[in-house]
N, C-alpha and C. Protein backbone atom coordinates (compact mmCIF):
# COMPACT_ATOMS: atom_id res chain seq x y z
N UNK A 1 38.39 -11.44 12.12
CA UNK A 1 37.07 -11.75 11.67
C UNK A 1 36.91 -13.24 11.76
N UNK A 2 35.89 -13.69 12.46
CA UNK A 2 35.77 -15.21 12.51
C UNK A 2 34.97 -15.68 11.25
N UNK A 3 34.95 -16.98 11.18
CA UNK A 3 34.35 -17.66 10.05
C UNK A 3 32.81 -17.53 10.09
N UNK A 4 32.25 -17.17 11.18
CA UNK A 4 30.79 -17.05 11.29
C UNK A 4 30.30 -15.73 10.65
N UNK A 5 31.20 -14.70 10.43
CA UNK A 5 30.73 -13.54 9.85
C UNK A 5 30.76 -13.52 8.28
N UNK A 6 31.48 -14.44 7.65
CA UNK A 6 31.57 -14.45 6.29
C UNK A 6 30.24 -14.77 5.63
N UNK A 7 29.47 -15.76 6.01
CA UNK A 7 28.17 -16.09 5.41
C UNK A 7 27.18 -14.83 5.57
N UNK A 8 27.25 -14.16 6.73
CA UNK A 8 26.34 -13.04 6.95
C UNK A 8 26.69 -11.94 6.01
N UNK A 9 27.97 -11.58 5.92
CA UNK A 9 28.37 -10.59 4.93
C UNK A 9 28.12 -10.95 3.47
N UNK A 10 28.21 -12.11 3.11
CA UNK A 10 27.86 -12.53 1.81
C UNK A 10 26.33 -12.29 1.57
N UNK A 11 25.58 -12.66 2.51
CA UNK A 11 24.14 -12.55 2.44
C UNK A 11 23.74 -11.07 2.28
N UNK A 12 24.38 -10.24 3.10
CA UNK A 12 24.09 -8.86 3.03
C UNK A 12 24.44 -8.29 1.70
N UNK A 13 25.59 -8.61 1.18
CA UNK A 13 26.09 -8.19 -0.13
C UNK A 13 25.15 -8.67 -1.30
N UNK A 14 24.72 -9.86 -1.21
CA UNK A 14 23.86 -10.30 -2.25
C UNK A 14 22.44 -9.59 -2.17
N UNK A 15 21.95 -9.36 -0.91
CA UNK A 15 20.69 -8.61 -0.74
C UNK A 15 20.75 -7.25 -1.27
N UNK A 16 21.90 -6.54 -1.06
CA UNK A 16 22.05 -5.16 -1.60
C UNK A 16 22.07 -5.24 -3.10
N UNK A 17 22.81 -6.10 -3.62
CA UNK A 17 22.91 -6.16 -5.03
C UNK A 17 21.56 -6.47 -5.72
N UNK A 18 20.89 -7.47 -5.23
CA UNK A 18 19.51 -7.79 -5.87
C UNK A 18 18.54 -6.67 -5.62
N UNK A 19 18.59 -5.95 -4.54
CA UNK A 19 17.71 -4.85 -4.39
C UNK A 19 18.03 -3.69 -5.39
N UNK A 20 19.28 -3.49 -5.61
CA UNK A 20 19.67 -2.45 -6.56
C UNK A 20 19.27 -2.81 -7.98
N UNK A 21 19.56 -4.12 -8.33
CA UNK A 21 19.28 -4.66 -9.64
C UNK A 21 17.67 -4.68 -9.92
N UNK A 22 16.99 -4.92 -8.91
CA UNK A 22 15.46 -5.05 -9.02
C UNK A 22 14.89 -3.73 -9.16
N UNK A 23 15.28 -2.76 -8.33
CA UNK A 23 14.62 -1.44 -8.33
C UNK A 23 15.30 -0.38 -9.16
N UNK A 24 16.33 -0.70 -9.94
CA UNK A 24 17.03 0.23 -10.72
C UNK A 24 16.19 0.92 -11.76
N UNK A 25 15.32 0.18 -12.51
CA UNK A 25 14.50 0.84 -13.46
C UNK A 25 13.48 1.79 -12.97
N UNK A 26 12.91 1.42 -11.78
CA UNK A 26 11.93 2.32 -11.13
C UNK A 26 12.65 3.52 -10.63
N UNK A 27 13.83 3.44 -10.03
CA UNK A 27 14.56 4.59 -9.50
C UNK A 27 15.02 5.43 -10.61
N UNK A 28 15.41 4.98 -11.81
CA UNK A 28 15.74 5.85 -12.91
C UNK A 28 14.48 6.58 -13.45
N UNK A 29 13.39 5.91 -13.44
CA UNK A 29 12.15 6.51 -13.92
C UNK A 29 11.81 7.67 -12.99
N UNK A 30 11.81 7.40 -11.70
CA UNK A 30 11.59 8.63 -10.73
C UNK A 30 12.53 9.71 -10.92
N UNK A 31 13.79 9.43 -11.21
CA UNK A 31 14.81 10.40 -11.36
C UNK A 31 14.49 11.32 -12.63
N UNK A 32 14.07 10.64 -13.70
CA UNK A 32 13.69 11.36 -14.88
C UNK A 32 12.49 12.19 -14.67
N UNK A 33 11.45 11.71 -13.85
CA UNK A 33 10.26 12.42 -13.59
C UNK A 33 10.60 13.72 -12.80
N UNK A 34 11.58 13.56 -11.89
CA UNK A 34 12.00 14.74 -11.05
C UNK A 34 12.67 15.81 -11.81
N UNK A 35 13.44 15.44 -12.82
CA UNK A 35 14.26 16.41 -13.55
C UNK A 35 13.42 17.03 -14.67
N UNK A 36 12.40 16.45 -15.18
CA UNK A 36 11.67 17.11 -16.18
C UNK A 36 10.78 18.34 -15.58
N UNK A 37 10.59 19.39 -16.37
CA UNK A 37 9.73 20.47 -15.82
C UNK A 37 8.38 20.06 -15.62
N UNK A 38 7.70 20.68 -14.64
CA UNK A 38 6.31 20.35 -14.37
C UNK A 38 5.45 20.68 -15.39
N UNK A 39 5.66 21.63 -16.29
CA UNK A 39 4.81 22.02 -17.37
C UNK A 39 4.58 20.88 -18.36
N UNK A 40 5.63 20.02 -18.54
CA UNK A 40 5.42 18.93 -19.45
C UNK A 40 4.55 17.86 -18.86
N UNK A 41 4.66 17.72 -17.48
CA UNK A 41 3.84 16.71 -16.78
C UNK A 41 2.35 17.11 -16.72
N UNK A 42 2.06 18.43 -16.78
CA UNK A 42 0.62 18.89 -16.68
C UNK A 42 -0.14 18.71 -17.93
N UNK A 43 0.57 18.64 -19.14
CA UNK A 43 -0.16 18.48 -20.38
C UNK A 43 -1.02 17.19 -20.45
N UNK A 44 -0.48 16.08 -20.07
CA UNK A 44 -1.28 14.91 -20.18
C UNK A 44 -2.43 15.02 -19.23
N UNK A 45 -2.30 15.62 -18.05
CA UNK A 45 -3.36 15.70 -17.14
C UNK A 45 -4.52 16.67 -17.72
N UNK A 46 -4.13 17.70 -18.45
CA UNK A 46 -5.08 18.50 -19.04
C UNK A 46 -5.93 17.80 -20.15
N UNK A 47 -5.11 17.02 -20.98
CA UNK A 47 -5.70 16.26 -21.96
C UNK A 47 -6.76 15.15 -21.34
N UNK A 48 -6.40 14.63 -20.23
CA UNK A 48 -7.26 13.70 -19.55
C UNK A 48 -8.51 14.37 -19.11
N UNK A 49 -8.46 15.55 -18.45
CA UNK A 49 -9.63 16.21 -17.97
C UNK A 49 -10.49 16.64 -19.23
N UNK A 50 -9.95 17.04 -20.34
CA UNK A 50 -10.67 17.36 -21.51
C UNK A 50 -11.47 16.14 -21.97
N UNK A 51 -10.79 14.95 -22.04
CA UNK A 51 -11.49 13.80 -22.53
C UNK A 51 -12.58 13.38 -21.56
N UNK A 52 -12.46 13.56 -20.19
CA UNK A 52 -13.54 13.20 -19.33
C UNK A 52 -14.68 14.15 -19.48
N UNK A 53 -14.43 15.48 -19.78
CA UNK A 53 -15.55 16.38 -20.00
C UNK A 53 -16.32 16.08 -21.24
N UNK A 54 -15.58 15.76 -22.29
CA UNK A 54 -16.17 15.38 -23.55
C UNK A 54 -16.98 14.07 -23.36
N UNK A 55 -16.33 13.08 -22.76
CA UNK A 55 -17.07 11.80 -22.60
C UNK A 55 -18.28 11.93 -21.73
N UNK A 56 -18.24 12.74 -20.67
CA UNK A 56 -19.32 12.97 -19.71
C UNK A 56 -20.47 13.76 -20.36
N UNK A 57 -20.15 14.57 -21.32
CA UNK A 57 -21.20 15.32 -21.99
C UNK A 57 -21.44 16.68 -21.31
N UNK A 58 -20.63 17.07 -20.30
CA UNK A 58 -20.83 18.28 -19.58
C UNK A 58 -19.53 18.93 -19.27
N UNK A 59 -19.50 20.19 -18.99
CA UNK A 59 -18.34 20.91 -18.73
C UNK A 59 -17.77 20.65 -17.26
N UNK A 60 -18.54 20.08 -16.45
CA UNK A 60 -18.15 19.89 -15.03
C UNK A 60 -17.10 18.76 -14.84
N UNK A 61 -16.99 17.85 -15.77
CA UNK A 61 -16.04 16.79 -15.66
C UNK A 61 -16.63 15.55 -14.97
N UNK A 62 -16.01 15.04 -13.85
CA UNK A 62 -16.30 13.77 -13.34
C UNK A 62 -17.17 13.86 -12.15
N UNK A 63 -17.99 14.79 -11.97
CA UNK A 63 -18.92 14.87 -10.82
C UNK A 63 -20.04 13.88 -10.99
N UNK A 64 -20.35 13.35 -9.87
CA UNK A 64 -21.50 12.23 -9.93
C UNK A 64 -22.64 12.65 -9.03
N UNK A 65 -23.66 11.90 -9.17
CA UNK A 65 -24.87 12.27 -8.32
C UNK A 65 -24.73 11.60 -6.95
N UNK A 66 -23.57 11.18 -6.50
CA UNK A 66 -23.50 10.51 -5.21
C UNK A 66 -23.55 11.48 -4.03
N UNK A 67 -23.26 12.81 -4.27
CA UNK A 67 -23.34 13.86 -3.26
C UNK A 67 -24.82 14.32 -3.05
N UNK A 68 -25.69 14.13 -3.98
CA UNK A 68 -27.03 14.65 -3.83
C UNK A 68 -27.93 13.56 -3.02
N UNK A 69 -28.61 14.01 -2.12
CA UNK A 69 -29.47 13.16 -1.28
C UNK A 69 -30.95 13.52 -1.53
N UNK A 70 -31.75 12.51 -1.51
CA UNK A 70 -33.24 12.66 -1.81
C UNK A 70 -33.94 12.51 -0.55
């Protein structure tokens, strides 16, 4: 191995380490999301749709008048 390869290998190693260190929290969060059952993930969505129907004052949810043409 020549002396020209050493800086390149160090740069690659540092890049891999910083990428791992930077994205580790996000990757762990994605892993936890994948391992939890979908039933637990749907409960907050149901609560959100209930809140929008109550807030909107109708049972239809978040429909707007943008689709109706005059």
